[in-house]
């Protein structure tokens, strides 16, 4: 979907009085979508799922981009305190059950917001994982929310070209060898052709649950 079509779709949602939000991890590849949204003249809240485990540089970058693009960012915080996110052995769930950790800190945290909005914009791309490759541009989500994936057919090169065109900055950890940046305990510096190989390395896992639990096929 090209930029003009994305803008048209956003305008159409606005004309229908839809309440819209976009989730963003504020990685380098997230910035073109945020830039498009910032120039759309449509009221769109930016939700940042603040797990409490992010790299400090991610928080700094989020603040930098928010100011640069004049975004209204809302931090989505877990409903369960870190004190109660440990197993019977006293280990954080990211060690013993990373799926449950992601559920507590991401999926469950976002569910309440789905009840308050009509449209959820996500910058997922088909080339990022097998799960995302099966997605559609428009899909239903729980609580009668519609998911909109405007970047689904974009490539990494298109993301880079857009960033260069508008001189948009990159996440500071990119230069340190991180190709996909999430929470500190579950992010490594692996940098193979698939840029998500550094996430949950050594586990049979490529998604946190946001794009598996909170979507209807």
C-alpha atoms as a PDB file:
ATOM      1  CA  UNK A   1       0.000   0.000   0.000  1.00  0.00           C
ATOM      2  CA  UNK A   2       1.539   3.305  -1.035  1.00  0.00           C
ATOM      3  CA  UNK A   3       1.588   6.412   1.129  1.00  0.00           C
ATOM      4  CA  UNK A   4      -1.324   8.152  -0.578  1.00  0.00           C
ATOM      5  CA  UNK A   5      -3.557   5.103  -0.127  1.00  0.00           C
ATOM      6  CA  UNK A   6      -2.601   4.893   3.538  1.00  0.00           C
ATOM      7  CA  UNK A   7      -3.487   8.559   3.986  1.00  0.00           C
ATOM      8  CA  UNK A   8      -6.805   8.045   2.199  1.00  0.00           C
ATOM      9  CA  UNK A   9      -7.668   5.110   4.423  1.00  0.00           C
ATOM     10  CA  UNK A  10      -6.879   7.085   7.556  1.00  0.00           C
ATOM     11  CA  UNK A  11      -9.022   9.979   6.334  1.00  0.00           C
ATOM     12  CA  UNK A  12     -11.875   7.568   5.642  1.00  0.00           C
ATOM     13  CA  UNK A  13     -11.676   6.135   9.148  1.00  0.00           C
ATOM     14  CA  UNK A  14     -11.708   9.656  10.553  1.00  0.00           C
ATOM     15  CA  UNK A  15     -14.741  10.608   8.474  1.00  0.00           C
ATOM     16  CA  UNK A  16     -16.524   7.609   9.974  1.00  0.00           C
ATOM     17  CA  UNK A  17     -15.747   8.950  13.461  1.00  0.00           C
ATOM     18  CA  UNK A  18     -13.559   5.975  14.244  1.00  0.00           C
ATOM     19  CA  UNK A  19     -11.311   6.217  17.277  1.00  0.00           C
ATOM     20  CA  UNK A  20      -7.862   5.140  16.103  1.00  0.00           C
ATOM     21  CA  UNK A  21      -4.610   4.080  17.712  1.00  0.00           C
ATOM     22  CA  UNK A  22      -1.324   2.722  16.444  1.00  0.00           C
ATOM     23  CA  UNK A  23       1.018   0.513  18.446  1.00  0.00           C
ATOM     24  CA  UNK A  24       4.702   1.170  18.020  1.00  0.00           C
ATOM     25  CA  UNK A  25       7.839  -0.420  19.431  1.00  0.00           C
ATOM     26  CA  UNK A  26       9.840   2.606  18.241  1.00  0.00           C
ATOM     27  CA  UNK A  27      12.339   0.516  16.337  1.00  0.00           C
ATOM     28  CA  UNK A  28      14.005   1.950  13.252  1.00  0.00           C
ATOM     29  CA  UNK A  29      11.552   0.216  10.919  1.00  0.00           C
ATOM     30  CA  UNK A  30       8.637   1.700  12.904  1.00  0.00           C
ATOM     31  CA  UNK A  31       9.508   5.294  12.073  1.00  0.00           C
ATOM     32  CA  UNK A  32       8.156   5.589   8.485  1.00  0.00           C
ATOM     33  CA  UNK A  33       4.646   4.597   9.624  1.00  0.00           C
ATOM     34  CA  UNK A  34       4.804   7.074  12.497  1.00  0.00           C
ATOM     35  CA  UNK A  35       5.943   9.756  10.062  1.00  0.00           C
ATOM     36  CA  UNK A  36       3.050   8.993   7.696  1.00  0.00           C
ATOM     37  CA  UNK A  37       0.613   9.160  10.599  1.00  0.00           C
ATOM     38  CA  UNK A  38       2.087  12.436  11.847  1.00  0.00           C
ATOM     39  CA  UNK A  39       1.387  14.066   8.469  1.00  0.00           C
ATOM     40  CA  UNK A  40      -2.130  12.674   8.065  1.00  0.00           C
ATOM     41  CA  UNK A  41      -4.107  15.373   9.935  1.00  0.00           C
ATOM     42  CA  UNK A  42      -6.037  12.544  11.574  1.00  0.00           C
ATOM     43  CA  UNK A  43      -6.212  12.178  15.362  1.00  0.00           C
ATOM     44  CA  UNK A  44      -4.337   8.961  16.122  1.00  0.00           C
ATOM     45  CA  UNK A  45      -2.998   7.954  19.527  1.00  0.00           C
ATOM     46  CA  UNK A  46       0.366   6.193  19.619  1.00  0.00           C
ATOM     47  CA  UNK A  47       0.465   3.366  22.145  1.00  0.00           C
ATOM     48  CA  UNK A  48       3.840   2.229  23.441  1.00  0.00           C
ATOM     49  CA  UNK A  49       3.692  -1.042  25.357  1.00  0.00           C
ATOM     50  CA  UNK A  50       6.034  -0.262  28.217  1.00  0.00           C
ATOM     51  CA  UNK A  51       6.885  -3.681  29.612  1.00  0.00           C
ATOM     52  CA  UNK A  52       9.396  -2.289  32.079  1.00  0.00           C
ATOM     53  CA  UNK A  53      12.101  -4.410  30.452  1.00  0.00           C
ATOM     54  CA  UNK A  54      13.018  -2.119  27.556  1.00  0.00           C
ATOM     55  CA  UNK A  55      16.520  -0.901  26.825  1.00  0.00           C
ATOM     56  CA  UNK A  56      17.059   2.614  28.223  1.00  0.00           C
ATOM     57  CA  UNK A  57      18.079   3.672  24.701  1.00  0.00           C
ATOM     58  CA  UNK A  58      14.673   2.565  23.407  1.00  0.00           C
ATOM     59  CA  UNK A  59      12.959   4.867  25.896  1.00  0.00           C
ATOM     60  CA  UNK A  60      15.276   7.701  24.891  1.00  0.00           C
ATOM     61  CA  UNK A  61      14.587   7.058  21.200  1.00  0.00           C
ATOM     62  CA  UNK A  62      10.841   6.953  21.838  1.00  0.00           C
ATOM     63  CA  UNK A  63      11.040  10.363  23.493  1.00  0.00           C
ATOM     64  CA  UNK A  64      13.181  11.715  20.651  1.00  0.00           C
ATOM     65  CA  UNK A  65      10.782  10.535  17.928  1.00  0.00           C
ATOM     66  CA  UNK A  66       7.710  11.652  19.874  1.00  0.00           C
ATOM     67  CA  UNK A  67       9.099  15.165  20.038  1.00  0.00           C
ATOM     68  CA  UNK A  68      10.368  15.156  16.438  1.00  0.00           C
ATOM     69  CA  UNK A  69       7.009  14.090  14.987  1.00  0.00           C
ATOM     70  CA  UNK A  70       4.788  15.757  17.604  1.00  0.00           C
ATOM     71  CA  UNK A  71       3.140  12.471  18.537  1.00  0.00           C
ATOM     72  CA  UNK A  72       0.683  11.879  21.353  1.00  0.00           C
ATOM     73  CA  UNK A  73       2.201   8.817  23.005  1.00  0.00           C
ATOM     74  CA  UNK A  74       0.436   6.785  25.670  1.00  0.00           C
ATOM     75  CA  UNK A  75       2.421   4.291  27.744  1.00  0.00           C
ATOM     76  CA  UNK A  76       0.601   0.974  28.123  1.00  0.00           C
ATOM     77  CA  UNK A  77       1.730  -0.601  31.381  1.00  0.00           C
ATOM     78  CA  UNK A  78       1.272  -4.176  32.652  1.00  0.00           C
ATOM     79  CA  UNK A  79      -1.614  -4.847  35.027  1.00  0.00           C
ATOM     80  CA  UNK A  80       0.536  -7.224  37.084  1.00  0.00           C
ATOM     81  CA  UNK A  81       3.476  -5.843  39.067  1.00  0.00           C
ATOM     82  CA  UNK A  82       6.971  -7.217  38.505  1.00  0.00           C
ATOM     83  CA  UNK A  83       6.869  -8.617  42.064  1.00  0.00           C
ATOM     84  CA  UNK A  84       4.127 -11.000  40.938  1.00  0.00           C
ATOM     85  CA  UNK A  85       5.821 -11.966  37.682  1.00  0.00           C
ATOM     86  CA  UNK A  86       7.952 -14.748  39.129  1.00  0.00           C
ATOM     87  CA  UNK A  87       7.495 -18.505  39.126  1.00  0.00           C
ATOM     88  CA  UNK A  88       7.605 -20.844  42.140  1.00  0.00           C
ATOM     89  CA  UNK A  89      11.411 -20.868  41.966  1.00  0.00           C
ATOM     90  CA  UNK A  90      11.589 -17.089  42.141  1.00  0.00           C
ATOM     91  CA  UNK A  91      12.587 -16.689  38.512  1.00  0.00           C
ATOM     92  CA  UNK A  92      11.048 -14.048  36.304  1.00  0.00           C
ATOM     93  CA  UNK A  93       8.712 -15.592  33.738  1.00  0.00           C
ATOM     94  CA  UNK A  94      10.923 -14.390  30.889  1.00  0.00           C
ATOM     95  CA  UNK A  95      13.321 -17.125  32.041  1.00  0.00           C
ATOM     96  CA  UNK A  96      10.890 -19.973  32.690  1.00  0.00           C
ATOM     97  CA  UNK A  97       7.855 -19.115  30.547  1.00  0.00           C
ATOM     98  CA  UNK A  98       8.482 -16.349  28.030  1.00  0.00           C
ATOM     99  CA  UNK A  99       5.019 -16.771  26.467  1.00  0.00           C
ATOM    100  CA  UNK A 100       3.369 -16.009  29.794  1.00  0.00           C
ATOM    101  CA  UNK A 101       5.739 -13.094  30.360  1.00  0.00           C
ATOM    102  CA  UNK A 102       4.720 -11.626  27.005  1.00  0.00           C
ATOM    103  CA  UNK A 103       1.068 -12.195  27.845  1.00  0.00           C
ATOM    104  CA  UNK A 104       1.313 -10.310  31.140  1.00  0.00           C
ATOM    105  CA  UNK A 105       3.426  -7.450  29.850  1.00  0.00           C
ATOM    106  CA  UNK A 106       2.058  -7.001  26.330  1.00  0.00           C
ATOM    107  CA  UNK A 107      -1.107  -8.859  25.352  1.00  0.00           C
ATOM    108  CA  UNK A 108      -3.095  -8.491  28.553  1.00  0.00           C
ATOM    109  CA  UNK A 109      -1.900  -4.916  28.935  1.00  0.00           C
ATOM    110  CA  UNK A 110      -3.239  -3.978  25.492  1.00  0.00           C
ATOM    111  CA  UNK A 111      -6.573  -5.776  25.725  1.00  0.00           C
ATOM    112  CA  UNK A 112      -8.259  -3.009  27.714  1.00  0.00           C
ATOM    113  CA  UNK A 113      -7.349  -0.471  25.050  1.00  0.00           C
ATOM    114  CA  UNK A 114      -9.011  -2.540  22.344  1.00  0.00           C
ATOM    115  CA  UNK A 115     -12.292  -1.953  24.172  1.00  0.00           C
ATOM    116  CA  UNK A 116     -11.845   1.824  23.880  1.00  0.00           C
ATOM    117  CA  UNK A 117     -10.897   2.129  20.191  1.00  0.00           C
ATOM    118  CA  UNK A 118     -12.363   1.174  16.823  1.00  0.00           C
ATOM    119  CA  UNK A 119      -9.224   0.796  14.694  1.00  0.00           C
ATOM    120  CA  UNK A 120      -5.814  -0.582  15.623  1.00  0.00           C
ATOM    121  CA  UNK A 121      -2.999   0.274  13.205  1.00  0.00           C
ATOM    122  CA  UNK A 122       0.008  -2.023  13.270  1.00  0.00           C
ATOM    123  CA  UNK A 123       3.171  -1.714  11.187  1.00  0.00           C
ATOM    124  CA  UNK A 124       3.688  -5.451  10.700  1.00  0.00           C
ATOM    125  CA  UNK A 125       5.259  -6.539   7.408  1.00  0.00           C
ATOM    126  CA  UNK A 126       4.780  -9.829   5.590  1.00  0.00           C
ATOM    127  CA  UNK A 127       8.531 -10.290   5.170  1.00  0.00           C
ATOM    128  CA  UNK A 128       9.151 -10.317   8.927  1.00  0.00           C
ATOM    129  CA  UNK A 129       7.816 -13.768   9.858  1.00  0.00           C
ATOM    130  CA  UNK A 130       5.700 -16.674   8.639  1.00  0.00           C
ATOM    131  CA  UNK A 131       2.892 -15.542  10.945  1.00  0.00           C
ATOM    132  CA  UNK A 132       2.845 -12.057   9.441  1.00  0.00           C
ATOM    133  CA  UNK A 133       3.099 -13.403   5.918  1.00  0.00           C
ATOM    134  CA  UNK A 134      -0.411 -14.858   6.361  1.00  0.00           C
ATOM    135  CA  UNK A 135      -1.952 -11.592   7.525  1.00  0.00           C
ATOM    136  CA  UNK A 136      -4.319  -9.385   5.540  1.00  0.00           C
ATOM    137  CA  UNK A 137      -4.375  -5.603   5.277  1.00  0.00           C
ATOM    138  CA  UNK A 138      -7.650  -5.496   7.229  1.00  0.00           C
ATOM    139  CA  UNK A 139      -8.436  -8.073   9.908  1.00  0.00           C
ATOM    140  CA  UNK A 140     -10.757  -8.291  12.861  1.00  0.00           C
ATOM    141  CA  UNK A 141      -9.462  -8.160  16.412  1.00  0.00           C
ATOM    142  CA  UNK A 142     -11.196  -8.862  19.736  1.00  0.00           C
ATOM    143  CA  UNK A 143     -13.768  -6.435  21.165  1.00  0.00           C
ATOM    144  CA  UNK A 144     -15.021  -5.419  17.702  1.00  0.00           C
ATOM    145  CA  UNK A 145     -11.771  -3.658  16.866  1.00  0.00           C
ATOM    146  CA  UNK A 146     -10.501  -3.588  13.281  1.00  0.00           C
ATOM    147  CA  UNK A 147      -6.794  -4.125  12.646  1.00  0.00           C
ATOM    148  CA  UNK A 148      -5.213  -2.147   9.802  1.00  0.00           C
ATOM    149  CA  UNK A 149      -1.799  -3.256   8.466  1.00  0.00           C
ATOM    150  CA  UNK A 150      -0.787  -0.525   5.994  1.00  0.00           C
ATOM    151  CA  UNK A 151       2.867  -1.613   5.747  1.00  0.00           C
ATOM    152  CA  UNK A 152       2.150  -5.281   5.135  1.00  0.00           C
ATOM    153  CA  UNK A 153       3.561  -5.283   1.580  1.00  0.00           C
ATOM    154  CA  UNK A 154       6.499  -2.976   2.287  1.00  0.00           C
ATOM    155  CA  UNK A 155      10.044  -4.342   2.123  1.00  0.00           C
ATOM    156  CA  UNK A 156      13.056  -3.500   4.249  1.00  0.00           C
ATOM    157  CA  UNK A 157      14.450  -1.548   1.305  1.00  0.00           C
ATOM    158  CA  UNK A 158      11.286   0.563   1.054  1.00  0.00           C
ATOM    159  CA  UNK A 159      11.549   1.325   4.767  1.00  0.00           C
ATOM    160  CA  UNK A 160      15.171   2.388   4.332  1.00  0.00           C
ATOM    161  CA  UNK A 161      14.416   4.473   1.237  1.00  0.00           C
ATOM    162  CA  UNK A 162      11.585   6.271   3.041  1.00  0.00           C
ATOM    163  CA  UNK A 163      13.805   7.009   6.024  1.00  0.00           C
ATOM    164  CA  UNK A 164      16.509   8.411   3.751  1.00  0.00           C
ATOM    165  CA  UNK A 165      14.019  10.534   1.825  1.00  0.00           C
ATOM    166  CA  UNK A 166      12.729  12.217   4.976  1.00  0.00           C
ATOM    167  CA  UNK A 167      16.007  12.009   6.918  1.00  0.00           C
ATOM    168  CA  UNK A 168      14.466  10.024   9.746  1.00  0.00           C
ATOM    169  CA  UNK A 169      16.836   8.776  12.474  1.00  0.00           C
ATOM    170  CA  UNK A 170      17.593   5.172  13.360  1.00  0.00           C
ATOM    171  CA  UNK A 171      17.414   3.463  16.743  1.00  0.00           C
ATOM    172  CA  UNK A 172      20.805   3.918  18.484  1.00  0.00           C
ATOM    173  CA  UNK A 173      21.148   0.164  19.077  1.00  0.00           C
ATOM    174  CA  UNK A 174      21.116  -0.596  15.347  1.00  0.00           C
ATOM    175  CA  UNK A 175      24.773   0.366  15.089  1.00  0.00           C
ATOM    176  CA  UNK A 176      25.570  -1.966  18.003  1.00  0.00           C
ATOM    177  CA  UNK A 177      24.441  -5.032  16.083  1.00  0.00           C
ATOM    178  CA  UNK A 178      20.801  -5.364  17.103  1.00  0.00           C
ATOM    179  CA  UNK A 179      18.501  -6.049  14.176  1.00  0.00           C
ATOM    180  CA  UNK A 180      15.210  -6.466  16.078  1.00  0.00           C
ATOM    181  CA  UNK A 181      14.869  -4.766  19.421  1.00  0.00           C
ATOM    182  CA  UNK A 182      12.455  -5.784  22.153  1.00  0.00           C
ATOM    183  CA  UNK A 183      12.876  -6.365  25.873  1.00  0.00           C
ATOM    184  CA  UNK A 184      16.439  -6.626  27.204  1.00  0.00           C
ATOM    185  CA  UNK A 185      16.219 -10.249  28.474  1.00  0.00           C
ATOM    186  CA  UNK A 186      14.872 -11.576  25.161  1.00  0.00           C
ATOM    187  CA  UNK A 187      16.901  -9.572  22.628  1.00  0.00           C
ATOM    188  CA  UNK A 188      20.285 -10.580  21.233  1.00  0.00           C
ATOM    189  CA  UNK A 189      22.691  -9.269  18.635  1.00  0.00           C
ATOM    190  CA  UNK A 190      22.028 -12.029  16.122  1.00  0.00           C
ATOM    191  CA  UNK A 191      21.879 -10.453  12.684  1.00  0.00           C
ATOM    192  CA  UNK A 192      21.043 -12.986  10.004  1.00  0.00           C
ATOM    193  CA  UNK A 193      18.956 -12.450   6.865  1.00  0.00           C
ATOM    194  CA  UNK A 194      15.764 -12.704   8.934  1.00  0.00           C
ATOM    195  CA  UNK A 195      16.029  -9.630  11.138  1.00  0.00           C
ATOM    196  CA  UNK A 196      13.959 -11.182  13.930  1.00  0.00           C
ATOM    197  CA  UNK A 197      16.438 -13.986  14.698  1.00  0.00           C
ATOM    198  CA  UNK A 198      17.778 -12.014  17.636  1.00  0.00           C
ATOM    199  CA  UNK A 199      14.449 -12.256  19.439  1.00  0.00           C
ATOM    200  CA  UNK A 200      13.881 -15.167  21.851  1.00  0.00           C
ATOM    201  CA  UNK A 201      17.026 -16.795  20.472  1.00  0.00           C
ATOM    202  CA  UNK A 202      17.109 -20.532  21.145  1.00  0.00           C
ATOM    203  CA  UNK A 203      13.339 -20.744  21.588  1.00  0.00           C
ATOM    204  CA  UNK A 204      10.695 -21.970  19.171  1.00  0.00           C
ATOM    205  CA  UNK A 205       9.110 -18.546  19.198  1.00  0.00           C
ATOM    206  CA  UNK A 206       8.883 -15.600  16.786  1.00  0.00           C
ATOM    207  CA  UNK A 207       5.890 -13.638  18.142  1.00  0.00           C
ATOM    208  CA  UNK A 208       4.955 -12.219  21.529  1.00  0.00           C
ATOM    209  CA  UNK A 209       1.211 -12.840  21.229  1.00  0.00           C
ATOM    210  CA  UNK A 210       0.042  -9.432  20.038  1.00  0.00           C
ATOM    211  CA  UNK A 211      -0.202 -10.756  16.502  1.00  0.00           C
ATOM    212  CA  UNK A 212      -1.463 -14.247  17.353  1.00  0.00           C
ATOM    213  CA  UNK A 213      -3.833 -13.831  20.302  1.00  0.00           C
ATOM    214  CA  UNK A 214      -5.219 -10.406  19.389  1.00  0.00           C
ATOM    215  CA  UNK A 215      -6.228 -11.157  15.824  1.00  0.00           C
ATOM    216  CA  UNK A 216      -8.970 -13.147  14.133  1.00  0.00           C
ATOM    217  CA  UNK A 217      -8.106 -15.156  11.041  1.00  0.00           C
END
